C-alpha atoms as a PDB file:
ATOM      1  CA  MET A   1      15.291 -23.589  16.960  1.00  0.00           C
ATOM      2  CA  LYS A   2      15.016 -24.133  12.818  1.00  0.00           C
ATOM      3  CA  ARG A   3      12.956 -26.698  12.556  1.00  0.00           C
ATOM      4  CA  ASN A   4      10.987 -25.349  15.005  1.00  0.00           C
ATOM      5  CA  PHE A   5      10.872 -21.452  13.287  1.00  0.00           C
ATOM      6  CA  ALA A   6       9.979 -23.872   9.998  1.00  0.00           C
ATOM      7  CA  VAL A   7       6.734 -25.121  11.632  1.00  0.00           C
ATOM      8  CA  VAL A   8       5.724 -21.694  12.763  1.00  0.00           C
ATOM      9  CA  THR A   9       6.176 -20.552   9.889  1.00  0.00           C
ATOM     10  CA  VAL A  10       4.234 -23.487   7.972  1.00  0.00           C
ATOM     11  CA  VAL A  11       1.531 -22.846  10.040  1.00  0.00           C
ATOM     12  CA  ALA A  12       1.116 -18.913   9.354  1.00  0.00           C
ATOM     13  CA  PHE A  13       1.095 -19.544   6.331  1.00  0.00           C
ATOM     14  CA  LEU A  14      -1.717 -22.460   5.992  1.00  0.00           C
ATOM     15  CA  VAL A  15      -3.975 -20.015   8.587  1.00  0.00           C
ATOM     16  CA  THR A  16      -3.500 -17.224   5.693  1.00  0.00           C
ATOM     17  CA  CYS A  17      -4.761 -18.988   3.133  1.00  0.00           C
ATOM     18  CA  ALA A  18      -7.237 -20.330   4.987  1.00  0.00           C
ATOM     19  CA  PHE A  19      -8.553 -16.954   5.712  1.00  0.00           C
ATOM     20  CA  ILE A  20      -8.161 -15.873   2.447  1.00  0.00           C
ATOM     21  CA  THR A  21     -10.369 -18.642   1.014  1.00  0.00           C
ATOM     22  CA  ASN A  22     -12.749 -18.072   3.310  1.00  0.00           C
ATOM     23  CA  ALA A  23     -12.789 -14.984   2.221  1.00  0.00           C
ATOM     24  CA  LEU A  24     -13.112 -15.561  -1.080  1.00  0.00           C
ATOM     25  CA  ALA A  25     -15.986 -18.377  -0.756  1.00  0.00           C
ATOM     26  CA  ASP A  26     -18.018 -15.000   1.158  1.00  0.00           C
ATOM     27  CA  ASN A  27     -17.289 -12.884  -0.684  1.00  0.00           C
ATOM     28  CA  SER A  28     -20.073 -10.558  -0.113  1.00  0.00           C
ATOM     29  CA  GLU A  29     -19.647  -9.956   3.908  1.00  0.00           C
ATOM     30  CA  VAL A  30     -15.837  -9.072   3.723  1.00  0.00           C
ATOM     31  CA  ASN A  31     -12.800  -7.419   2.059  1.00  0.00           C
ATOM     32  CA  ILE A  32     -10.058  -9.540   1.625  1.00  0.00           C
ATOM     33  CA  PRO A  33      -6.858  -8.460   3.313  1.00  0.00           C
ATOM     34  CA  ILE A  34      -3.693  -8.714   1.984  1.00  0.00           C
ATOM     35  CA  THR A  35      -0.053  -7.666   2.245  1.00  0.00           C
ATOM     36  CA  ALA A  36       0.826  -4.026   1.428  1.00  0.00           C
ATOM     37  CA  GLU A  37       3.126  -5.554  -1.475  1.00  0.00           C
ATOM     38  CA  GLN A  38       1.197  -8.218  -2.454  1.00  0.00           C
ATOM     39  CA  ALA A  39      -1.141  -4.933  -3.633  1.00  0.00           C
ATOM     40  CA  PHE A  40       2.239  -2.999  -5.750  1.00  0.00           C
ATOM     41  CA  ASP A  41       2.417  -6.426  -7.668  1.00  0.00           C
ATOM     42  CA  ALA A  42      -1.290  -6.884  -8.283  1.00  0.00           C
ATOM     43  CA  VAL A  43      -1.327  -3.092  -9.567  1.00  0.00           C
ATOM     44  CA  VAL A  44       2.021  -2.793 -11.209  1.00  0.00           C
ATOM     45  CA  ASN A  45       1.131  -6.490 -12.873  1.00  0.00           C
ATOM     46  CA  GLN A  46      -2.207  -5.470 -13.115  1.00  0.00           C
ATOM     47  CA  LYS A  47      -2.885  -9.540 -11.577  1.00  0.00           C
ATOM     48  CA  ASP A  48      -5.812 -10.821  -9.198  1.00  0.00           C
ATOM     49  CA  PRO A  49      -3.622 -11.062  -5.624  1.00  0.00           C
ATOM     50  CA  ALA A  50      -5.140 -14.379  -4.499  1.00  0.00           C
ATOM     51  CA  THR A  51      -5.533 -16.118  -8.000  1.00  0.00           C
ATOM     52  CA  GLY A  52      -2.622 -14.237  -9.959  1.00  0.00           C
ATOM     53  CA  GLU A  53      -4.851 -14.275 -12.947  1.00  0.00           C
ATOM     54  CA  ALA A  54      -4.539 -11.366 -15.247  1.00  0.00           C
ATOM     55  CA  ALA A  55      -7.341  -8.451 -14.378  1.00  0.00           C
ATOM     56  CA  SER A  56      -7.829  -5.245 -14.300  1.00  0.00           C
ATOM     57  CA  VAL A  57      -6.940  -3.882 -10.784  1.00  0.00           C
ATOM     58  CA  ALA A  58      -7.079  -0.393  -9.532  1.00  0.00           C
ATOM     59  CA  LEU A  59      -5.649   0.828  -5.944  1.00  0.00           C
ATOM     60  CA  ILE A  60      -8.343   3.192  -4.259  1.00  0.00           C
ATOM     61  CA  ASP A  61      -6.814   5.428  -1.307  1.00  0.00           C
ATOM     62  CA  VAL A  62      -9.904   6.140   0.525  1.00  0.00           C
ATOM     63  CA  ARG A  63      -8.443   8.611   2.993  1.00  0.00           C
ATOM     64  CA  THR A  64      -8.923  12.093   3.259  1.00  0.00           C
ATOM     65  CA  THR A  65      -7.778  14.393   0.761  1.00  0.00           C
ATOM     66  CA  ALA A  66      -5.064  16.144   3.314  1.00  0.00           C
ATOM     67  CA  GLU A  67      -3.837  12.794   3.785  1.00  0.00           C
ATOM     68  CA  TYR A  68      -3.856  11.575   0.325  1.00  0.00           C
ATOM     69  CA  PHE A  69      -1.611  15.312  -0.856  1.00  0.00           C
ATOM     70  CA  TRP A  70       0.234  16.151   2.453  1.00  0.00           C
ATOM     71  CA  VAL A  71       1.281  12.382   4.359  1.00  0.00           C
ATOM     72  CA  GLY A  72       1.733  10.777   0.414  1.00  0.00           C
ATOM     73  CA  ALA A  73       0.047   8.255  -2.223  1.00  0.00           C
ATOM     74  CA  CYS A  74       1.046   4.943  -3.129  1.00  0.00           C
ATOM     75  CA  GLY A  75       3.320   5.422  -5.692  1.00  0.00           C
ATOM     76  CA  LYS A  76       6.345   3.950  -8.123  1.00  0.00           C
ATOM     77  CA  VAL A  77       9.755   4.700  -9.154  1.00  0.00           C
ATOM     78  CA  GLU A  78      10.674   5.780 -12.425  1.00  0.00           C
ATOM     79  CA  SER A  79      14.174   6.483 -12.172  1.00  0.00           C
ATOM     80  CA  ILE A  80      16.910   7.079  -9.269  1.00  0.00           C
ATOM     81  CA  VAL A  81      19.444   9.544 -10.442  1.00  0.00           C
ATOM     82  CA  THR A  82      22.781   9.277  -7.778  1.00  0.00           C
ATOM     83  CA  THR A  83      25.127  11.450  -6.518  1.00  0.00           C
ATOM     84  CA  SER A  84      27.538  10.519  -9.402  1.00  0.00           C
ATOM     85  CA  GLU A  85      24.629  10.989 -11.934  1.00  0.00           C
ATOM     86  CA  LYS A  86      24.214   7.493 -13.040  1.00  0.00           C
ATOM     87  CA  GLU A  87      20.586   6.703 -13.562  1.00  0.00           C
ATOM     88  CA  TYR A  88      18.215   3.383 -12.443  1.00  0.00           C
ATOM     89  CA  VAL A  89      15.099   2.218 -13.818  1.00  0.00           C
ATOM     90  CA  PRO A  90      13.928  -0.343 -11.171  1.00  0.00           C
ATOM     91  CA  TYR A  91      12.339  -3.398 -12.816  1.00  0.00           C
ATOM     92  CA  ASN A  92       8.625  -2.331 -12.839  1.00  0.00           C
ATOM     93  CA  GLY A  93       8.800   0.444 -10.245  1.00  0.00           C
ATOM     94  CA  LYS A  94       9.564  -1.076  -7.362  1.00  0.00           C
ATOM     95  CA  VAL A  95      11.634  -0.096  -4.594  1.00  0.00           C
ATOM     96  CA  THR A  96      11.448  -0.916  -0.942  1.00  0.00           C
ATOM     97  CA  LEU A  97      13.738   1.291   1.629  1.00  0.00           C
ATOM     98  CA  LYS A  98      15.374  -1.179   4.740  1.00  0.00           C
ATOM     99  CA  LEU A  99      16.402  -0.548   7.697  1.00  0.00           C
ATOM    100  CA  GLY A 100      16.092   3.344   6.657  1.00  0.00           C
ATOM    101  CA  LYS A 101      19.879   3.508   5.141  1.00  0.00           C
ATOM    102  CA  TYR A 102      19.046   1.099   1.786  1.00  0.00           C
ATOM    103  CA  LEU A 103      17.323   1.274  -1.418  1.00  0.00           C
ATOM    104  CA  CYS A 104      16.331  -2.162  -2.416  1.00  0.00           C
ATOM    105  CA  PHE A 105      15.499  -2.826  -6.248  1.00  0.00           C
ATOM    106  CA  LYS A 106      15.470  -4.786  -9.284  1.00  0.00           C
ATOM    107  CA  VAL A 107      17.541  -3.647 -13.034  1.00  0.00           C
ATOM    108  CA  ALA A 108      16.675  -5.328 -16.271  1.00  0.00           C
ATOM    109  CA  SER A 109      19.453  -6.961 -17.567  1.00  0.00           C
ATOM    110  CA  ARG A 110      20.511  -9.401 -20.267  1.00  0.00           C
ATOM    111  CA  HIS A 111      19.348 -12.692 -18.936  1.00  0.00           C
ATOM    112  CA  ARG A 112      17.361 -11.598 -15.469  1.00  0.00           C
ATOM    113  CA  PRO A 113      16.917  -8.666 -13.330  1.00  0.00           C
ATOM    114  CA  ARG A 114      19.607  -7.448 -11.357  1.00  0.00           C
ATOM    115  CA  ARG A 115      18.854  -6.965  -7.742  1.00  0.00           C
ATOM    116  CA  VAL A 116      20.588  -3.430  -6.837  1.00  0.00           C
ATOM    117  CA  VAL A 117      21.291  -2.408  -3.229  1.00  0.00           C
ATOM    118  CA  LEU A 118      21.808   1.408  -3.144  1.00  0.00           C
ATOM    119  CA  PRO A 119      22.889   3.701   0.156  1.00  0.00           C
ATOM    120  CA  ILE A 120      20.251   6.283   0.652  1.00  0.00           C
ATOM    121  CA  GLN A 121      23.631   9.009   0.826  1.00  0.00           C
ATOM    122  CA  MET A 122      24.629   8.073  -2.873  1.00  0.00           C
ATOM    123  CA  VAL A 123      20.911   9.376  -4.319  1.00  0.00           C
ATOM    124  CA  GLU A 124      20.350  12.858  -5.549  1.00  0.00           C
ATOM    125  CA  GLN A 125      16.810  12.160  -6.987  1.00  0.00           C
ATOM    126  CA  ILE A 126      13.357   9.900  -7.352  1.00  0.00           C
ATOM    127  CA  ASN A 127      11.240  10.123  -9.915  1.00  0.00           C
ATOM    128  CA  THR A 128       7.975   8.767  -8.871  1.00  0.00           C
ATOM    129  CA  MET A 129       4.677   8.636 -10.087  1.00  0.00           C
ATOM    130  CA  ASP A 130       0.893   7.507  -8.259  1.00  0.00           C
ATOM    131  CA  ILE A 131      -0.409   4.531  -8.427  1.00  0.00           C
ATOM    132  CA  SER A 132      -3.855   4.266  -6.513  1.00  0.00           C
ATOM    133  CA  LEU A 133      -6.795   6.564  -7.420  1.00  0.00           C
ATOM    134  CA  HIS A 134      -8.182   8.649  -4.766  1.00  0.00           C
ATOM    135  CA  ILE A 135     -12.204   8.096  -3.278  1.00  0.00           C
ATOM    136  CA  PRO A 136     -12.020   9.255  -0.334  1.00  0.00           C
ATOM    137  CA  THR A 137     -14.949   7.899   2.772  1.00  0.00           C
ATOM    138  CA  HIS A 138     -14.999  10.972   3.942  1.00  0.00           C
ATOM    139  CA  ILE A 139     -14.242  14.445   3.345  1.00  0.00           C
ATOM    140  CA  TRP A 140     -12.582  17.059   5.745  1.00  0.00           C
ATOM    141  CA  ASP A 141     -14.184  19.866   6.692  1.00  0.00           C
ATOM    142  CA  GLU A 142     -11.263  22.989   7.020  1.00  0.00           C
ATOM    143  CA  ALA A 143     -13.649  25.035   9.064  1.00  0.00           C
ATOM    144  CA  GLY A 144     -14.665  22.418  11.634  1.00  0.00           C
ATOM    145  CA  CYS A 145     -11.839  20.537  11.771  1.00  0.00           C
ATOM    146  CA  THR A 146     -13.770  17.244  11.408  1.00  0.00           C
ATOM    147  CA  LYS A 147     -14.966  15.007   8.898  1.00  0.00           C
ATOM    148  CA  TYR A 148     -18.277  13.647   7.137  1.00  0.00           C
ATOM    149  CA  ALA A 149     -18.986  10.877   4.663  1.00  0.00           C
ATOM    150  CA  ASN A 150     -18.492  11.547   1.378  1.00  0.00           C
ATOM    151  CA  PRO A 151     -21.971  11.502  -0.037  1.00  0.00           C
ATOM    152  CA  ASP A 152     -20.680  10.425  -3.559  1.00  0.00           C
ATOM    153  CA  PHE A 153     -18.689   7.587  -2.347  1.00  0.00           C
ATOM    154  CA  ALA A 154     -20.553   4.692  -3.832  1.00  0.00           C
ATOM    155  CA  GLU A 155     -21.387   6.472  -7.003  1.00  0.00           C
ATOM    156  CA  GLN A 156     -17.570   7.126  -6.999  1.00  0.00           C
ATOM    157  CA  ILE A 157     -16.724   3.833  -6.515  1.00  0.00           C
ATOM    158  CA  ASN A 158     -19.822   2.300  -8.688  1.00  0.00           C
ATOM    159  CA  SER A 159     -18.237   4.544 -11.981  1.00  0.00           C
ATOM    160  CA  LEU A 160     -15.367   2.025 -11.981  1.00  0.00           C
ATOM    161  CA  ALA A 161     -17.234  -1.256 -12.605  1.00  0.00           C
ATOM    162  CA  GLY A 162     -16.517  -2.316 -16.289  1.00  0.00           C
ATOM    163  CA  GLN A 163     -13.118  -0.114 -16.040  1.00  0.00           C
ATOM    164  CA  TYR A 164     -11.687  -2.357 -13.394  1.00  0.00           C
ATOM    165  CA  ASP A 165     -12.608  -6.175 -11.993  1.00  0.00           C
ATOM    166  CA  VAL A 166     -10.821  -5.945  -8.860  1.00  0.00           C
ATOM    167  CA  LEU A 167     -10.439  -3.285  -6.533  1.00  0.00           C
ATOM    168  CA  ILE A 168      -7.781  -3.206  -3.302  1.00  0.00           C
ATOM    169  CA  LEU A 169      -8.659  -0.148  -1.145  1.00  0.00           C
ATOM    170  CA  MET A 170      -6.257   1.197   1.460  1.00  0.00           C
ATOM    171  CA  CYS A 171      -7.114   3.679   4.660  1.00  0.00           C
ATOM    172  CA  ARG A 172      -4.276   4.921   7.626  1.00  0.00           C
ATOM    173  CA  SER A 173      -4.099   1.462   9.136  1.00  0.00           C
ATOM    174  CA  GLY A 174      -7.082  -1.153   7.625  1.00  0.00           C
ATOM    175  CA  LYS A 175     -10.697   0.671   9.401  1.00  0.00           C
ATOM    176  CA  ARG A 176     -12.229   2.562   6.851  1.00  0.00           C
ATOM    177  CA  SER A 177     -11.159   0.177   3.905  1.00  0.00           C
ATOM    178  CA  ASN A 178     -13.511  -2.313   5.278  1.00  0.00           C
ATOM    179  CA  THR A 179     -16.243  -0.791   3.759  1.00  0.00           C
ATOM    180  CA  ARG A 180     -18.262  -1.969   1.842  1.00  0.00           C
ATOM    181  CA  GLY A 181     -20.928   0.502   0.883  1.00  0.00           C
ATOM    182  CA  PHE A 182     -21.175   0.270  -2.591  1.00  0.00           C
ATOM    183  CA  ALA A 183     -22.316  -2.171  -5.118  1.00  0.00           C
ATOM    184  CA  THR A 184     -19.555  -4.724  -4.787  1.00  0.00           C
ATOM    185  CA  ASP A 185     -21.122  -7.229  -6.997  1.00  0.00           C
ATOM    186  CA  GLN A 186     -20.199  -5.273  -9.658  1.00  0.00           C
ATOM    187  CA  PHE A 187     -16.651  -6.332  -9.351  1.00  0.00           C
ATOM    188  CA  ALA A 188     -15.035  -9.811  -9.273  1.00  0.00           C
ATOM    189  CA  ALA A 189     -13.065  -9.278  -6.292  1.00  0.00           C
ATOM    190  CA  ILE A 190     -12.708  -6.926  -3.618  1.00  0.00           C
ATOM    191  CA  TYR A 191      -9.122  -6.501  -1.276  1.00  0.00           C
ATOM    192  CA  GLU A 192      -8.114  -4.025   1.393  1.00  0.00           C
ATOM    193  CA  ILE A 193      -4.521  -3.377   2.674  1.00  0.00           C
ATOM    194  CA  ASP A 194      -4.602  -5.213   6.380  1.00  0.00           C
ATOM    195  CA  GLN A 195      -3.209  -7.799   7.799  1.00  0.00           C
ATOM    196  CA  PRO A 196      -3.782 -11.145   6.384  1.00  0.00           C
ATOM    197  CA  ASP A 197      -4.232 -13.027   8.998  1.00  0.00           C
ATOM    198  CA  GLY A 198      -7.780 -11.504  10.062  1.00  0.00           C
ATOM    199  CA  THR A 199      -6.341  -8.831  12.639  1.00  0.00           C
ATOM    200  CA  ASN A 200      -8.042  -5.644  12.001  1.00  0.00           C
ATOM    201  CA  GLY A 201      -6.106  -2.284  11.864  1.00  0.00           C
ATOM    202  CA  VAL A 202      -2.379  -3.121  11.201  1.00  0.00           C
ATOM    203  CA  GLY A 203      -2.592  -2.205   7.398  1.00  0.00           C
ATOM    204  CA  GLY A 204      -3.088   0.486   5.219  1.00  0.00           C
ATOM    205  CA  PHE A 205      -1.057   3.001   4.728  1.00  0.00           C
ATOM    206  CA  GLN A 206       1.348   3.863   8.193  1.00  0.00           C
ATOM    207  CA  GLY A 207       0.255   0.676   9.884  1.00  0.00           C
ATOM    208  CA  SER A 208      -0.221   0.877  13.235  1.00  0.00           C
ATOM    209  CA  SER A 209       1.992   2.414  16.196  1.00  0.00           C
ATOM    210  CA  PHE A 210       3.699   0.025  18.969  1.00  0.00           C
ATOM    211  CA  GLY A 211       6.058   0.295  22.036  1.00  0.00           C
ATOM    212  CA  ASP A 212       9.739  -0.082  20.491  1.00  0.00           C
ATOM    213  CA  VAL A 213      11.568   3.229  21.219  1.00  0.00           C
ATOM    214  CA  TYR A 214      13.218   3.617  17.753  1.00  0.00           C
ATOM    215  CA  ASN A 215      10.220   2.185  15.234  1.00  0.00           C
ATOM    216  CA  GLY A 216       7.239   2.590  17.317  1.00  0.00           C
ATOM    217  CA  PHE A 217       5.966   5.064  15.847  1.00  0.00           C
ATOM    218  CA  ARG A 218       3.385   4.534  12.835  1.00  0.00           C
ATOM    219  CA  GLY A 219       4.550   5.481   9.035  1.00  0.00           C
ATOM    220  CA  PHE A 220       8.199   4.945  10.323  1.00  0.00           C
ATOM    221  CA  PRO A 221       9.024   3.608   6.569  1.00  0.00           C
ATOM    222  CA  GLY A 222      10.944   0.115   6.443  1.00  0.00           C
ATOM    223  CA  ARG A 223      10.585  -0.189   9.949  1.00  0.00           C
ATOM    224  CA  ASP A 224      11.214  -3.638  11.991  1.00  0.00           C
ATOM    225  CA  THR A 225       7.991  -5.060  13.071  1.00  0.00           C
ATOM    226  CA  ARG A 226       9.063  -7.837  13.795  1.00  0.00           C
ATOM    227  CA  MET A 227       8.702  -7.278  17.709  1.00  0.00           C
ATOM    228  CA  GLN A 228       4.756  -6.404  17.385  1.00  0.00           C
ATOM    229  CA  ASP A 229       2.499  -8.596  18.551  1.00  0.00           C
ATOM    230  CA  THR A 230       0.652  -8.577  14.828  1.00  0.00           C
ATOM    231  CA  ARG A 231       2.995  -7.647  12.402  1.00  0.00           C
ATOM    232  CA  SER A 232       1.930  -4.303  10.351  1.00  0.00           C
ATOM    233  CA  VAL A 233       1.930  -5.161   6.958  1.00  0.00           C
ATOM    234  CA  SER A 234       1.344  -1.940   5.949  1.00  0.00           C
ATOM    235  CA  TRP A 235       2.487   0.690   2.584  1.00  0.00           C
ATOM    236  CA  SER A 236       5.363   2.322   4.654  1.00  0.00           C
ATOM    237  CA  ASP A 237       5.869  -0.505   6.850  1.00  0.00           C
ATOM    238  CA  ALA A 238       7.188  -2.492   4.103  1.00  0.00           C
ATOM    239  CA  GLY A 239       8.960   0.271   2.650  1.00  0.00           C
ATOM    240  CA  LEU A 240       7.270   0.826  -0.683  1.00  0.00           C
ATOM    241  CA  PRO A 241       7.592   3.834  -2.725  1.00  0.00           C
ATOM    242  CA  VAL A 242       5.372   6.904  -1.795  1.00  0.00           C
ATOM    243  CA  HIS A 243       4.371   9.753  -4.332  1.00  0.00           C
ATOM    244  CA  ILE A 244       3.720  13.637  -3.020  1.00  0.00           C
ATOM    245  CA  GLY A 245       1.750  14.925  -5.301  1.00  0.00           C
ATOM    246  CA  TRP A 246      -0.341  18.541  -5.468  1.00  0.00           C
ATOM    247  CA  THR A 247      -0.281  20.902  -3.037  1.00  0.00           C
ATOM    248  CA  PRO A 248      -3.916  22.285  -2.650  1.00  0.00           C
ATOM    249  CA  PHE A 249      -2.793  25.898  -2.298  1.00  0.00           C
ATOM    250  CA  THR A 250       0.397  27.839  -2.431  1.00  0.00           C
ATOM    251  CA  ILE A 251       1.920  30.626   0.356  1.00  0.00           C
ATOM    252  CA  THR A 252       3.157  33.822  -1.356  1.00  0.00           C
ATOM    253  CA  VAL A 253       5.787  35.863   0.158  1.00  0.00           C
ATOM    254  CA  GLU A 254       5.587  39.312   0.237  1.00  0.00           C
ATOM    255  CA  GLU A 255       9.275  41.139  -0.543  1.00  0.00           C
END
């Protein structure tokens, strides 16, 4: 059984590598799909996710403003404060939620980063920061409850040329991030968060839904995706940090 599992794993890895290699060879047609964890590591380490070489990397959130501010944005953790007032500073700001119960991360130590598993009931406060740029493909029309194409999208993306070599696009599940509606030749490589095997629509910030009663909902943080026919590789599925930013309105309560 173990041998069969190893063979399947190796085959899946080779298929993924082949897909990325083909995409890199012809990056004029497709955005190269990578997992959310690959995207996080690329941004915080400023390295091309495929080659591992140093690069200026930007993570572009192309969702609507409502999604970006209210559902949450891609973040990293600056510090965690426990109920006993102990403070952790996660290595590289990377923290993952596992089984909906534990925060897993590393902290700097004398010789090498030390792994920490922290039950969420011991957490008092988590301080995060946004690591993405928000450039929506579409604008939400509040009055009509519809969305329309952002007329400045191409110009806004093109303005990043010279500042960044590599772009990683991300939407809700991996469909809007397919866009090539800008001057792609101004960047060394363009990626998107989606299933690396080429299956579309199972990445982004919240991934895809499936039929399991407990883990079926889109956006369930750190859910178990092993029962999916095609595993969702989204930011939420990976249990990566979410930053909740500015809310574009306030509610005043009259006394």
